[in-house]
Amino acid sequence: MNIDILVQARLGSRRFPRKVLAEVAGVPLIRYLLDGMKRATQARHVVALVPYMDKELISAVFPFPVWVGDEHDVAGRFVDYCERSDCDGFVRVCGDSPVLDWRIVNDMICIFRETSAFLVSNVDGGFPAGQHCEVVDRRFFLRWKYKLDREHVTPTLYAVAGSLLWPWSTEAPSEKPSMTVDCPDDLVRMARVIERADFKPWERRWRENQCFA
């Protein structure tokens, strides 16, 4: 079963423009995320889904594969990839989560493979922002492609997945502090996390990195 990690990213954030290219120790945040995700052994490919015109972003993610599409139709990028790819499912990851723990991704892919779930998610499972992701069945996703939220992609799928939604969580995770980058203040916290992790946040589990925040 081929599962690809799809990282959605763009430069046009309202609260913090160009946040995924903000640097810590000279490295864009998006690269910390991608370098972490490539360690997810249960995934086949790690692909950045970016807008056509964001040439600087495309350059920043090299040498990772890139899939381009409309800046304002994030869902369209996922649909286009799924229609042209031979993947069986995909992991949706947000580009503003630079220290997402690849072990969480691995565990969720394993659950997806072992169950008949259309959607495996740890959203609302107590995990902090920045440690959320979803594994989605490709055929199920394309069946509902006209009902998708164009910006946030998956919210409408939770209702239609029904009994084949598999909410995944662990014991008493901590939602605070956040581990995502939504505004300039978050960058200060994230820089502290990455620095205390010796600039290799993927070597530490998310709980340890959260303690650094």
C-alpha atoms as a PDB file:
ATOM      1  CA  MET A   1       0.000   0.000   0.000  1.00  0.00           C
ATOM      2  CA  ASN A   2       1.511   3.300  -1.147  1.00  0.00           C
ATOM      3  CA  ILE A   3       1.022   6.199   1.244  1.00  0.00           C
ATOM      4  CA  ASP A   4       2.498   9.599   0.368  1.00  0.00           C
ATOM      5  CA  ILE A   5       3.035  12.528   2.724  1.00  0.00           C
ATOM      6  CA  LEU A   6       1.627  15.705   1.147  1.00  0.00           C
ATOM      7  CA  VAL A   7       2.833  18.939   2.737  1.00  0.00           C
ATOM      8  CA  GLN A   8       0.653  21.933   1.899  1.00  0.00           C
ATOM      9  CA  ALA A   9       2.433  25.286   1.931  1.00  0.00           C
ATOM     10  CA  ARG A  10       2.120  28.808   0.575  1.00  0.00           C
ATOM     11  CA  LEU A  11       3.539  32.276   1.236  1.00  0.00           C
ATOM     12  CA  GLY A  12       0.286  34.237   1.448  1.00  0.00           C
ATOM     13  CA  SER A  13      -0.678  33.772   5.114  1.00  0.00           C
ATOM     14  CA  ARG A  14      -2.684  36.753   6.393  1.00  0.00           C
ATOM     15  CA  ARG A  15      -1.342  36.697   9.957  1.00  0.00           C
ATOM     16  CA  PHE A  16       2.268  35.883   9.107  1.00  0.00           C
ATOM     17  CA  PRO A  17       3.154  36.186   5.398  1.00  0.00           C
ATOM     18  CA  ARG A  18       6.030  33.988   4.216  1.00  0.00           C
ATOM     19  CA  LYS A  19       6.108  32.158   7.545  1.00  0.00           C
ATOM     20  CA  VAL A  20       7.188  28.836   6.057  1.00  0.00           C
ATOM     21  CA  LEU A  21      10.318  30.565   4.749  1.00  0.00           C
ATOM     22  CA  ALA A  22      11.146  32.196   8.093  1.00  0.00           C
ATOM     23  CA  GLU A  23      14.594  30.958   9.037  1.00  0.00           C
ATOM     24  CA  VAL A  24      16.101  29.417  12.138  1.00  0.00           C
ATOM     25  CA  ALA A  25      19.897  29.144  11.936  1.00  0.00           C
ATOM     26  CA  GLY A  26      19.687  29.978   8.230  1.00  0.00           C
ATOM     27  CA  VAL A  27      17.281  27.136   7.428  1.00  0.00           C
ATOM     28  CA  PRO A  28      13.647  27.782   6.366  1.00  0.00           C
ATOM     29  CA  LEU A  29      11.014  26.294   8.668  1.00  0.00           C
ATOM     30  CA  ILE A  30       9.594  24.263   5.788  1.00  0.00           C
ATOM     31  CA  ARG A  31      12.897  22.395   5.500  1.00  0.00           C
ATOM     32  CA  TYR A  32      12.848  21.337   9.143  1.00  0.00           C
ATOM     33  CA  LEU A  33       9.418  19.832   8.505  1.00  0.00           C
ATOM     34  CA  LEU A  34      10.402  18.087   5.278  1.00  0.00           C
ATOM     35  CA  ASP A  35      13.623  16.742   6.757  1.00  0.00           C
ATOM     36  CA  GLY A  36      11.589  15.310   9.625  1.00  0.00           C
ATOM     37  CA  MET A  37       8.939  13.787   7.376  1.00  0.00           C
ATOM     38  CA  LYS A  38      11.473  11.954   5.226  1.00  0.00           C
ATOM     39  CA  ARG A  39      12.217   9.833   8.299  1.00  0.00           C
ATOM     40  CA  ALA A  40       8.677   8.422   8.312  1.00  0.00           C
ATOM     41  CA  THR A  41       9.527   4.932   7.138  1.00  0.00           C
ATOM     42  CA  GLN A  42       5.879   3.948   6.539  1.00  0.00           C
ATOM     43  CA  ALA A  43       5.480   6.566   3.788  1.00  0.00           C
ATOM     44  CA  ARG A  44       6.573   6.248   0.189  1.00  0.00           C
ATOM     45  CA  HIS A  45       7.158   9.871  -0.882  1.00  0.00           C
ATOM     46  CA  VAL A  46       7.245  13.289   0.761  1.00  0.00           C
ATOM     47  CA  VAL A  47       5.837  15.898  -1.647  1.00  0.00           C
ATOM     48  CA  ALA A  48       5.374  19.651  -1.206  1.00  0.00           C
ATOM     49  CA  LEU A  49       2.079  20.994  -2.628  1.00  0.00           C
ATOM     50  CA  VAL A  50       2.676  24.667  -3.415  1.00  0.00           C
ATOM     51  CA  PRO A  51       1.193  27.467  -5.572  1.00  0.00           C
ATOM     52  CA  TYR A  52       2.341  27.944  -9.165  1.00  0.00           C
ATOM     53  CA  MET A  53       3.870  31.362  -8.613  1.00  0.00           C
ATOM     54  CA  ASP A  54       5.783  30.761  -5.364  1.00  0.00           C
ATOM     55  CA  LYS A  55       9.142  30.241  -7.070  1.00  0.00           C
ATOM     56  CA  GLU A  56      11.048  31.105  -3.898  1.00  0.00           C
ATOM     57  CA  LEU A  57       9.135  28.455  -2.003  1.00  0.00           C
ATOM     58  CA  ILE A  58       9.700  25.903  -4.755  1.00  0.00           C
ATOM     59  CA  SER A  59      13.416  26.641  -4.569  1.00  0.00           C
ATOM     60  CA  ALA A  60      13.435  26.355  -0.763  1.00  0.00           C
ATOM     61  CA  VAL A  61      11.990  22.834  -0.713  1.00  0.00           C
ATOM     62  CA  PHE A  62      14.457  21.438  -3.281  1.00  0.00           C
ATOM     63  CA  PRO A  63      15.378  18.561  -3.657  1.00  0.00           C
ATOM     64  CA  PHE A  64      11.975  17.327  -2.396  1.00  0.00           C
ATOM     65  CA  PRO A  65       9.377  16.695  -5.125  1.00  0.00           C
ATOM     66  CA  VAL A  66       6.961  19.559  -5.753  1.00  0.00           C
ATOM     67  CA  TRP A  67       3.341  19.547  -6.975  1.00  0.00           C
ATOM     68  CA  VAL A  68       2.033  22.951  -8.027  1.00  0.00           C
ATOM     69  CA  GLY A  69      -1.493  24.335  -8.197  1.00  0.00           C
ATOM     70  CA  ASP A  70      -3.759  27.290  -7.505  1.00  0.00           C
ATOM     71  CA  GLU A  71      -2.733  29.369  -4.469  1.00  0.00           C
ATOM     72  CA  HIS A  72      -6.339  29.826  -3.322  1.00  0.00           C
ATOM     73  CA  ASP A  73      -7.537  26.287  -4.025  1.00  0.00           C
ATOM     74  CA  VAL A  74      -5.512  24.117  -1.682  1.00  0.00           C
ATOM     75  CA  ALA A  75      -7.982  21.260  -2.041  1.00  0.00           C
ATOM     76  CA  GLY A  76      -7.511  21.401  -5.801  1.00  0.00           C
ATOM     77  CA  ARG A  77      -3.819  20.644  -5.385  1.00  0.00           C
ATOM     78  CA  PHE A  78      -4.651  17.512  -3.385  1.00  0.00           C
ATOM     79  CA  VAL A  79      -7.292  16.406  -5.881  1.00  0.00           C
ATOM     80  CA  ASP A  80      -4.952  16.906  -8.825  1.00  0.00           C
ATOM     81  CA  TYR A  81      -2.206  14.931  -7.108  1.00  0.00           C
ATOM     82  CA  CYS A  82      -4.549  12.076  -6.199  1.00  0.00           C
ATOM     83  CA  GLU A  83      -6.005  11.886  -9.707  1.00  0.00           C
ATOM     84  CA  ARG A  84      -2.551  11.651 -11.263  1.00  0.00           C
ATOM     85  CA  SER A  85      -0.798   9.527  -8.645  1.00  0.00           C
ATOM     86  CA  ASP A  86      -0.897   5.803  -7.930  1.00  0.00           C
ATOM     87  CA  CYS A  87      -0.959   6.345  -4.171  1.00  0.00           C
ATOM     88  CA  ASP A  88      -3.505   4.405  -2.114  1.00  0.00           C
ATOM     89  CA  GLY A  89      -3.760   7.180   0.437  1.00  0.00           C
ATOM     90  CA  PHE A  90      -2.008  10.271   1.680  1.00  0.00           C
ATOM     91  CA  VAL A  91      -1.022  12.043   4.872  1.00  0.00           C
ATOM     92  CA  ARG A  92      -2.099  15.700   4.934  1.00  0.00           C
ATOM     93  CA  VAL A  93       0.478  17.856   6.692  1.00  0.00           C
ATOM     94  CA  CYS A  94       0.463  21.651   7.116  1.00  0.00           C
ATOM     95  CA  GLY A  95       3.628  23.547   6.281  1.00  0.00           C
ATOM     96  CA  ASP A  96       3.407  25.634   9.445  1.00  0.00           C
ATOM     97  CA  SER A  97       4.176  22.597  11.647  1.00  0.00           C
ATOM     98  CA  PRO A  98       7.990  22.468  11.413  1.00  0.00           C
ATOM     99  CA  VAL A  99       8.550  20.011  14.274  1.00  0.00           C
ATOM    100  CA  LEU A 100       5.727  17.551  13.590  1.00  0.00           C
ATOM    101  CA  ASP A 101       6.913  14.224  14.991  1.00  0.00           C
ATOM    102  CA  TRP A 102       7.436  11.740  12.164  1.00  0.00           C
ATOM    103  CA  ARG A 103       6.705   8.925  14.646  1.00  0.00           C
ATOM    104  CA  ILE A 104       3.108  10.133  14.924  1.00  0.00           C
ATOM    105  CA  VAL A 105       2.853   9.958  11.137  1.00  0.00           C
ATOM    106  CA  ASN A 106       4.297   6.443  11.116  1.00  0.00           C
ATOM    107  CA  ASP A 107       1.851   5.239  13.775  1.00  0.00           C
ATOM    108  CA  MET A 108      -1.145   6.719  11.968  1.00  0.00           C
ATOM    109  CA  ILE A 109      -0.143   5.153   8.663  1.00  0.00           C
ATOM    110  CA  CYS A 110       0.106   1.780  10.423  1.00  0.00           C
ATOM    111  CA  ILE A 111      -3.405   2.213  11.824  1.00  0.00           C
ATOM    112  CA  PHE A 112      -4.658   3.152   8.364  1.00  0.00           C
ATOM    113  CA  ARG A 113      -3.139  -0.007   6.901  1.00  0.00           C
ATOM    114  CA  GLU A 114      -4.471  -2.260   9.649  1.00  0.00           C
ATOM    115  CA  THR A 115      -8.059  -0.990   9.579  1.00  0.00           C
ATOM    116  CA  SER A 116     -10.699  -0.288   6.988  1.00  0.00           C
ATOM    117  CA  ALA A 117     -10.782   3.390   7.938  1.00  0.00           C
ATOM    118  CA  PHE A 118     -11.288   6.023   5.251  1.00  0.00           C
ATOM    119  CA  LEU A 119      -9.786   8.660   7.515  1.00  0.00           C
ATOM    120  CA  VAL A 120      -7.360   8.349  10.416  1.00  0.00           C
ATOM    121  CA  SER A 121      -6.951  11.565  12.382  1.00  0.00           C
ATOM    122  CA  ASN A 122      -5.422  12.827  15.621  1.00  0.00           C
ATOM    123  CA  VAL A 123      -7.187  16.194  15.346  1.00  0.00           C
ATOM    124  CA  ASP A 124      -9.133  16.922  18.571  1.00  0.00           C
ATOM    125  CA  GLY A 125      -7.332  14.026  20.195  1.00  0.00           C
ATOM    126  CA  GLY A 126      -5.563  16.264  22.682  1.00  0.00           C
ATOM    127  CA  PHE A 127      -2.428  16.796  20.644  1.00  0.00           C
ATOM    128  CA  PRO A 128      -1.097  20.362  20.442  1.00  0.00           C
ATOM    129  CA  ALA A 129      -1.407  22.345  17.227  1.00  0.00           C
ATOM    130  CA  GLY A 130       1.632  21.517  15.154  1.00  0.00           C
ATOM    131  CA  GLN A 131       1.321  17.785  15.899  1.00  0.00           C
ATOM    132  CA  HIS A 132      -1.852  17.205  13.878  1.00  0.00           C
ATOM    133  CA  CYS A 133      -2.144  15.212  10.668  1.00  0.00           C
ATOM    134  CA  GLU A 134      -4.613  13.004   8.827  1.00  0.00           C
ATOM    135  CA  VAL A 135      -4.286   9.872   6.727  1.00  0.00           C
ATOM    136  CA  VAL A 136      -6.931   9.759   3.997  1.00  0.00           C
ATOM    137  CA  ASP A 137      -7.954   7.006   1.611  1.00  0.00           C
ATOM    138  CA  ARG A 138      -7.424   8.203  -1.966  1.00  0.00           C
ATOM    139  CA  ARG A 139     -10.620   6.758  -3.477  1.00  0.00           C
ATOM    140  CA  PHE A 140     -12.730   8.051  -0.613  1.00  0.00           C
ATOM    141  CA  PHE A 141     -11.141  11.490  -0.979  1.00  0.00           C
ATOM    142  CA  LEU A 142     -11.822  11.682  -4.722  1.00  0.00           C
ATOM    143  CA  ARG A 143     -15.391  10.489  -4.238  1.00  0.00           C
ATOM    144  CA  TRP A 144     -16.042  13.652  -2.230  1.00  0.00           C
ATOM    145  CA  LYS A 145     -13.799  16.029  -4.169  1.00  0.00           C
ATOM    146  CA  TYR A 146     -16.631  18.469  -4.982  1.00  0.00           C
ATOM    147  CA  LYS A 147     -17.562  18.809  -1.297  1.00  0.00           C
ATOM    148  CA  LEU A 148     -14.106  19.702   0.016  1.00  0.00           C
ATOM    149  CA  ASP A 149     -13.286  22.896   1.873  1.00  0.00           C
ATOM    150  CA  ARG A 150     -11.113  24.700  -0.669  1.00  0.00           C
ATOM    151  CA  GLU A 151      -8.716  26.113   1.944  1.00  0.00           C
ATOM    152  CA  HIS A 152      -8.743  23.631   4.829  1.00  0.00           C
ATOM    153  CA  VAL A 153      -9.438  20.614   2.591  1.00  0.00           C
ATOM    154  CA  THR A 154     -10.701  17.904   4.950  1.00  0.00           C
ATOM    155  CA  PRO A 155     -13.334  19.229   7.457  1.00  0.00           C
ATOM    156  CA  THR A 156     -16.322  18.042   5.415  1.00  0.00           C
ATOM    157  CA  LEU A 157     -14.889  14.528   5.215  1.00  0.00           C
ATOM    158  CA  TYR A 158     -15.315  13.896   8.935  1.00  0.00           C
ATOM    159  CA  ALA A 159     -19.096  13.764   8.645  1.00  0.00           C
ATOM    160  CA  VAL A 160     -19.232  11.497   5.604  1.00  0.00           C
ATOM    161  CA  ALA A 161     -16.530   9.097   6.854  1.00  0.00           C
ATOM    162  CA  GLY A 162     -19.000   7.890   9.494  1.00  0.00           C
ATOM    163  CA  SER A 163     -17.938   4.651  11.151  1.00  0.00           C
ATOM    164  CA  LEU A 164     -14.864   4.571   8.951  1.00  0.00           C
ATOM    165  CA  LEU A 165     -13.389   7.601  10.697  1.00  0.00           C
ATOM    166  CA  TRP A 166     -10.718   6.400  13.096  1.00  0.00           C
ATOM    167  CA  PRO A 167      -9.887   9.087  15.669  1.00  0.00           C
ATOM    168  CA  TRP A 168      -6.419   8.411  17.016  1.00  0.00           C
ATOM    169  CA  SER A 169      -4.997   9.670  20.282  1.00  0.00           C
ATOM    170  CA  THR A 170      -2.617   8.731  23.073  1.00  0.00           C
ATOM    171  CA  GLU A 171      -2.896   8.982  26.846  1.00  0.00           C
ATOM    172  CA  ALA A 172      -3.311  12.522  28.150  1.00  0.00           C
ATOM    173  CA  PRO A 173      -1.317  14.505  25.609  1.00  0.00           C
ATOM    174  CA  SER A 174      -0.881  18.204  26.319  1.00  0.00           C
ATOM    175  CA  GLU A 175      -2.480  20.775  24.030  1.00  0.00           C
ATOM    176  CA  LYS A 176      -0.373  23.657  25.404  1.00  0.00           C
ATOM    177  CA  PRO A 177       1.859  25.207  24.344  1.00  0.00           C
ATOM    178  CA  SER A 178       1.133  25.189  20.630  1.00  0.00           C
ATOM    179  CA  MET A 179       3.801  23.803  18.298  1.00  0.00           C
ATOM    180  CA  THR A 180       2.678  25.533  15.136  1.00  0.00           C
ATOM    181  CA  VAL A 181       3.731  28.878  13.635  1.00  0.00           C
ATOM    182  CA  ASP A 182       0.762  31.175  13.048  1.00  0.00           C
ATOM    183  CA  CYS A 183       2.221  34.571  13.943  1.00  0.00           C
ATOM    184  CA  PRO A 184       5.651  36.204  14.475  1.00  0.00           C
ATOM    185  CA  ASP A 185       5.562  35.495  18.227  1.00  0.00           C
ATOM    186  CA  ASP A 186       5.289  31.781  17.462  1.00  0.00           C
ATOM    187  CA  LEU A 187       8.541  31.984  15.511  1.00  0.00           C
ATOM    188  CA  VAL A 188      10.397  33.009  18.663  1.00  0.00           C
ATOM    189  CA  ARG A 189       9.084  29.948  20.485  1.00  0.00           C
ATOM    190  CA  MET A 190       9.779  27.641  17.557  1.00  0.00           C
ATOM    191  CA  ALA A 191      13.339  28.950  17.216  1.00  0.00           C
ATOM    192  CA  ARG A 192      13.874  28.121  20.894  1.00  0.00           C
ATOM    193  CA  VAL A 193      12.573  24.588  20.354  1.00  0.00           C
ATOM    194  CA  ILE A 194      14.804  23.968  17.345  1.00  0.00           C
ATOM    195  CA  GLU A 195      17.873  25.445  19.008  1.00  0.00           C
ATOM    196  CA  ARG A 196      17.404  23.360  22.179  1.00  0.00           C
ATOM    197  CA  ALA A 197      16.968  20.295  19.976  1.00  0.00           C
ATOM    198  CA  ASP A 198      20.437  20.980  18.531  1.00  0.00           C
ATOM    199  CA  PHE A 199      18.806  21.942  15.211  1.00  0.00           C
ATOM    200  CA  LYS A 200      17.665  18.348  14.708  1.00  0.00           C
ATOM    201  CA  PRO A 201      14.132  18.369  16.158  1.00  0.00           C
ATOM    202  CA  TRP A 202      13.295  15.099  14.400  1.00  0.00           C
ATOM    203  CA  GLU A 203      15.666  13.264  16.743  1.00  0.00           C
ATOM    204  CA  ARG A 204      13.387  14.010  19.717  1.00  0.00           C
ATOM    205  CA  ARG A 205       9.809  12.959  20.328  1.00  0.00           C
ATOM    206  CA  TRP A 206       7.173  15.655  20.284  1.00  0.00           C
ATOM    207  CA  ARG A 207       6.696  15.730  24.062  1.00  0.00           C
ATOM    208  CA  GLU A 208      10.368  16.514  24.598  1.00  0.00           C
ATOM    209  CA  ASN A 209      10.304  19.248  21.955  1.00  0.00           C
ATOM    210  CA  GLN A 210       7.158  20.688  23.523  1.00  0.00           C
ATOM    211  CA  CYS A 211       9.015  20.997  26.825  1.00  0.00           C
ATOM    212  CA  PHE A 212      11.548  23.208  25.053  1.00  0.00           C
ATOM    213  CA  ALA A 213       8.737  25.596  24.052  1.00  0.00           C
END
